[in-house]
Amino acid sequence: MFLHIGDNILLAKKDIIAILNWETERERNSNMFFFKSIQQEKKPVFTCKDKDKIKSLVLTDTAVYLSPISCQTLKKRGERHPFHGEEL
């Protein structure tokens, strides 16, 4: 199963460790420390095309993704069954 996080990026759901609200997270010093520590680990950071529209941070083992889609929307997408509403 995959999750579309915006800007034509699909991630395997099994690889996602956390999805954080960027608008809330960037205001907290402890969370910015967390983000900076991730950067120090040399994990690549992929950001959306319009940096002013970042709404969530998606953390995987190999990279960090800054997404223009809210964490609530990503959560709903992740919970949806691929055939929801369709007959097999």
Protein backbone atom coordinates (compact mmCIF):
# COMPACT_ATOMS: atom_id res chain seq x y z
CA MET A 1 0.00 0.00 0.00
CA PHE A 2 1.17 3.50 -0.84
CA LEU A 3 0.34 6.97 0.40
CA HIS A 4 0.35 10.00 -1.89
CA ILE A 5 1.83 12.91 0.10
CA GLY A 6 1.67 15.57 -2.60
CA ASP A 7 3.91 16.81 -5.41
CA ASN A 8 3.70 13.42 -7.15
CA ILE A 9 5.39 11.61 -4.26
CA LEU A 10 4.18 8.15 -3.22
CA LEU A 11 5.55 6.45 -0.11
CA ALA A 12 5.08 2.87 1.00
CA LYS A 13 2.90 3.05 4.11
CA LYS A 14 5.09 0.45 5.83
CA ASP A 15 8.07 2.85 5.57
CA ILE A 16 6.37 5.78 7.29
CA ILE A 17 7.46 6.27 10.90
CA ALA A 18 5.55 9.46 11.71
CA ILE A 19 3.44 12.21 10.20
CA LEU A 20 3.71 15.49 12.11
CA ASN A 21 1.83 18.76 11.81
CA TRP A 22 4.50 21.13 10.45
CA GLU A 23 2.64 24.31 11.37
CA THR A 24 2.52 23.24 15.02
CA GLU A 25 5.90 21.51 15.10
CA ARG A 26 7.97 24.41 13.77
CA GLU A 27 6.72 26.67 16.59
CA ARG A 28 8.04 24.41 19.35
CA ASN A 29 11.74 24.63 20.20
CA SER A 30 11.97 20.95 21.11
CA ASN A 31 10.49 19.93 17.78
CA MET A 32 12.84 22.19 15.83
CA PHE A 33 15.69 20.56 17.75
CA PHE A 34 14.30 17.18 16.62
CA PHE A 35 14.15 18.37 12.99
CA LYS A 36 17.72 19.71 13.15
CA SER A 37 18.94 16.41 14.63
CA ILE A 38 17.34 14.59 11.69
CA GLN A 39 19.20 16.89 9.30
CA GLN A 40 22.47 16.17 11.14
CA GLU A 41 21.92 12.47 10.48
CA LYS A 42 22.35 13.38 6.81
CA LYS A 43 18.87 12.17 5.88
CA PRO A 44 17.74 13.82 2.66
CA VAL A 45 14.93 16.35 3.09
CA PHE A 46 12.44 16.59 0.24
CA THR A 47 10.24 19.66 0.30
CA CYS A 48 7.18 20.62 -1.71
CA LYS A 49 7.56 23.01 -4.63
CA ASP A 50 5.97 25.92 -2.76
CA LYS A 51 7.77 26.12 0.59
CA ASP A 52 5.13 28.51 1.94
CA LYS A 53 2.53 25.73 1.71
CA ILE A 54 4.23 23.10 3.89
CA LYS A 55 1.64 21.55 6.21
CA SER A 56 3.15 18.29 7.39
CA LEU A 57 6.44 16.49 7.98
CA VAL A 58 6.57 12.81 6.96
CA LEU A 59 9.42 10.84 8.52
CA THR A 60 10.77 7.56 7.09
CA ASP A 61 13.93 5.57 7.86
CA THR A 62 15.68 7.00 4.84
CA ALA A 63 14.35 10.55 4.39
CA VAL A 64 12.17 13.41 5.58
CA TYR A 65 9.39 14.79 3.38
CA LEU A 66 7.77 18.20 3.83
CA SER A 67 4.30 17.89 2.35
CA PRO A 68 1.71 20.47 1.26
CA ILE A 69 -1.05 18.13 2.51
CA SER A 70 -2.30 18.36 6.10
CA CYS A 71 -1.59 15.49 8.47
CA GLN A 72 -5.35 14.98 8.97
CA THR A 73 -5.81 14.43 5.22
CA LEU A 74 -2.80 12.11 5.07
CA LYS A 75 -4.22 10.13 7.99
CA LYS A 76 -7.57 9.75 6.21
CA ARG A 77 -5.82 8.65 3.02
CA GLY A 78 -3.76 6.13 4.94
CA GLU A 79 -6.79 4.60 6.61
CA ARG A 80 -8.72 4.18 3.36
CA HIS A 81 -8.88 0.70 1.91
CA PRO A 82 -7.82 0.74 -1.77
CA PHE A 83 -11.14 -0.73 -2.85
CA HIS A 84 -13.34 1.25 -0.46
CA GLY A 85 -16.77 1.62 -1.98
CA GLU A 86 -16.00 -0.72 -4.86
CA GLU A 87 -17.11 -4.28 -5.36
CA LEU A 88 -14.41 -6.83 -6.03
